Amino acid sequence: MYKRGVSAGLSLFAIIGVMALLSACHTTAGAGRDISQTGKAITNSANANTP
């Protein structure tokens, strides 16, 4: 009986951990795209305002 509870608890912990890692990947990818777009905007602005 005790083993079953521990096994269920560890399974739940593993599922939550995997979900956190997967959501972090999407968040990191989105942040990378935002930073890239910001860099492009700065470059375009600098090129447009160069005398």
N, C-alpha and C. Protein backbone atom coordinates (compact mmCIF):
# COMPACT_ATOMS: atom_id res chain seq x y z
N MET A 1 0.83 -1.20 0.00
CA MET A 1 0.00 0.00 0.00
C MET A 1 0.87 1.26 0.00
N TYR A 2 1.91 1.27 0.82
CA TYR A 2 2.79 2.43 0.91
C TYR A 2 3.54 2.65 -0.40
N LYS A 3 3.99 1.54 -1.04
CA LYS A 3 4.72 1.65 -2.30
C LYS A 3 3.86 2.29 -3.38
N ARG A 4 2.59 1.99 -3.38
CA ARG A 4 1.68 2.52 -4.39
C ARG A 4 1.56 4.04 -4.26
N GLY A 5 1.48 4.54 -3.06
CA GLY A 5 1.39 5.98 -2.82
C GLY A 5 2.67 6.70 -3.22
N VAL A 6 3.79 6.10 -2.90
CA VAL A 6 5.07 6.69 -3.26
C VAL A 6 5.23 6.70 -4.78
N SER A 7 4.84 5.61 -5.42
CA SER A 7 4.93 5.52 -6.88
C SER A 7 4.04 6.56 -7.54
N ALA A 8 2.85 6.75 -7.04
CA ALA A 8 1.93 7.74 -7.61
C ALA A 8 2.48 9.15 -7.38
N GLY A 9 3.04 9.39 -6.22
CA GLY A 9 3.63 10.70 -5.92
C GLY A 9 4.81 11.01 -6.83
N LEU A 10 5.68 10.04 -7.05
CA LEU A 10 6.82 10.24 -7.93
C LEU A 10 6.38 10.45 -9.37
N SER A 11 5.37 9.72 -9.80
CA SER A 11 4.85 9.89 -11.15
C SER A 11 4.28 11.29 -11.34
N LEU A 12 3.53 11.76 -10.36
CA LEU A 12 2.96 13.10 -10.42
C LEU A 12 4.07 14.15 -10.45
N PHE A 13 5.09 13.96 -9.63
CA PHE A 13 6.22 14.87 -9.60
C PHE A 13 6.94 14.90 -10.95
N ALA A 14 7.12 13.76 -11.58
CA ALA A 14 7.78 13.68 -12.88
C ALA A 14 6.95 14.39 -13.95
N ILE A 15 5.65 14.20 -13.93
CA ILE A 15 4.78 14.84 -14.92
C ILE A 15 4.83 16.35 -14.77
N ILE A 16 4.78 16.84 -13.55
CA ILE A 16 4.84 18.28 -13.31
C ILE A 16 6.19 18.83 -13.76
N GLY A 17 7.27 18.09 -13.52
CA GLY A 17 8.60 18.52 -13.94
C GLY A 17 8.71 18.61 -15.46
N VAL A 18 8.16 17.63 -16.15
CA VAL A 18 8.21 17.63 -17.61
C VAL A 18 7.39 18.80 -18.15
N MET A 19 6.24 19.05 -17.57
CA MET A 19 5.41 20.17 -18.01
C MET A 19 6.14 21.50 -17.83
N ALA A 20 6.84 21.65 -16.73
CA ALA A 20 7.58 22.88 -16.47
C ALA A 20 8.70 23.06 -17.49
N LEU A 21 9.39 21.98 -17.81
CA LEU A 21 10.48 22.07 -18.80
C LEU A 21 9.94 22.41 -20.18
N LEU A 22 8.83 21.81 -20.56
CA LEU A 22 8.27 22.09 -21.88
C LEU A 22 7.78 23.53 -21.98
N SER A 23 7.17 24.03 -20.93
CA SER A 23 6.71 25.42 -20.98
C SER A 23 7.88 26.38 -20.99
N ALA A 24 8.96 26.03 -20.33
CA ALA A 24 10.16 26.88 -20.33
C ALA A 24 10.76 26.96 -21.72
N CYS A 25 10.71 25.87 -22.47
CA CYS A 25 11.25 25.89 -23.84
C CYS A 25 10.48 26.88 -24.69
N HIS A 26 9.17 26.88 -24.58
CA HIS A 26 8.37 27.80 -25.37
C HIS A 26 8.61 29.24 -24.93
N THR A 27 8.76 29.46 -23.66
CA THR A 27 9.00 30.80 -23.15
C THR A 27 10.35 31.31 -23.62
N THR A 28 11.37 30.47 -23.57
CA THR A 28 12.71 30.85 -24.00
C THR A 28 12.73 31.16 -25.49
N ALA A 29 12.04 30.34 -26.28
CA ALA A 29 11.98 30.57 -27.72
C ALA A 29 11.29 31.90 -28.02
N GLY A 30 10.23 32.18 -27.33
CA GLY A 30 9.51 33.45 -27.52
C GLY A 30 10.36 34.64 -27.12
N ALA A 31 11.09 34.52 -26.03
CA ALA A 31 11.97 35.61 -25.61
C ALA A 31 13.08 35.83 -26.62
N GLY A 32 13.61 34.76 -27.18
CA GLY A 32 14.65 34.88 -28.20
C GLY A 32 14.13 35.61 -29.43
N ARG A 33 12.91 35.30 -29.84
CA ARG A 33 12.31 35.98 -31.00
C ARG A 33 12.11 37.46 -30.70
N ASP A 34 11.64 37.78 -29.50
CA ASP A 34 11.42 39.18 -29.12
C ASP A 34 12.73 39.96 -29.13
N ILE A 35 13.78 39.37 -28.59
CA ILE A 35 15.08 40.03 -28.54
C ILE A 35 15.62 40.23 -29.95
N SER A 36 15.43 39.23 -30.80
CA SER A 36 15.88 39.33 -32.18
C SER A 36 15.15 40.45 -32.92
N GLN A 37 13.85 40.54 -32.72
CA GLN A 37 13.07 41.59 -33.38
C GLN A 37 13.48 42.97 -32.87
N THR A 38 13.79 43.07 -31.59
CA THR A 38 14.24 44.35 -31.03
C THR A 38 15.58 44.75 -31.65
N GLY A 39 16.48 43.80 -31.79
CA GLY A 39 17.77 44.08 -32.42
C GLY A 39 17.61 44.53 -33.86
N LYS A 40 16.71 43.90 -34.59
CA LYS A 40 16.46 44.29 -35.98
C LYS A 40 15.88 45.71 -36.05
N ALA A 41 14.98 46.04 -35.12
CA ALA A 41 14.39 47.37 -35.10
C ALA A 41 15.45 48.44 -34.81
N ILE A 42 16.37 48.14 -33.90
CA ILE A 42 17.44 49.08 -33.58
C ILE A 42 18.36 49.26 -34.79
N THR A 43 18.69 48.16 -35.45
CA THR A 43 19.54 48.24 -36.64
C THR A 43 18.87 49.04 -37.74
N ASN A 44 17.60 48.79 -37.98
CA ASN A 44 16.88 49.53 -39.01
C ASN A 44 16.82 51.02 -38.70
N SER A 45 16.59 51.34 -37.43
CA SER A 45 16.52 52.73 -37.00
C SER A 45 17.88 53.41 -37.17
N ALA A 46 18.94 52.69 -36.82
CA ALA A 46 20.28 53.27 -36.97
C ALA A 46 20.62 53.49 -38.43
N ASN A 47 20.26 52.55 -39.28
CA ASN A 47 20.52 52.70 -40.72
C ASN A 47 19.71 53.85 -41.31
N ALA A 48 18.49 54.02 -40.88
CA ALA A 48 17.63 55.07 -41.40
C ALA A 48 18.08 56.46 -40.96
N ASN A 49 18.71 56.54 -39.81
CA ASN A 49 19.11 57.84 -39.26
C ASN A 49 20.60 58.14 -39.44
N THR A 50 21.30 57.36 -40.23
CA THR A 50 22.71 57.61 -40.49
C THR A 50 22.82 58.72 -41.55
N PRO A 51 23.60 59.74 -41.25
CA PRO A 51 23.71 60.85 -42.21
C PRO A 51 24.47 60.47 -43.47
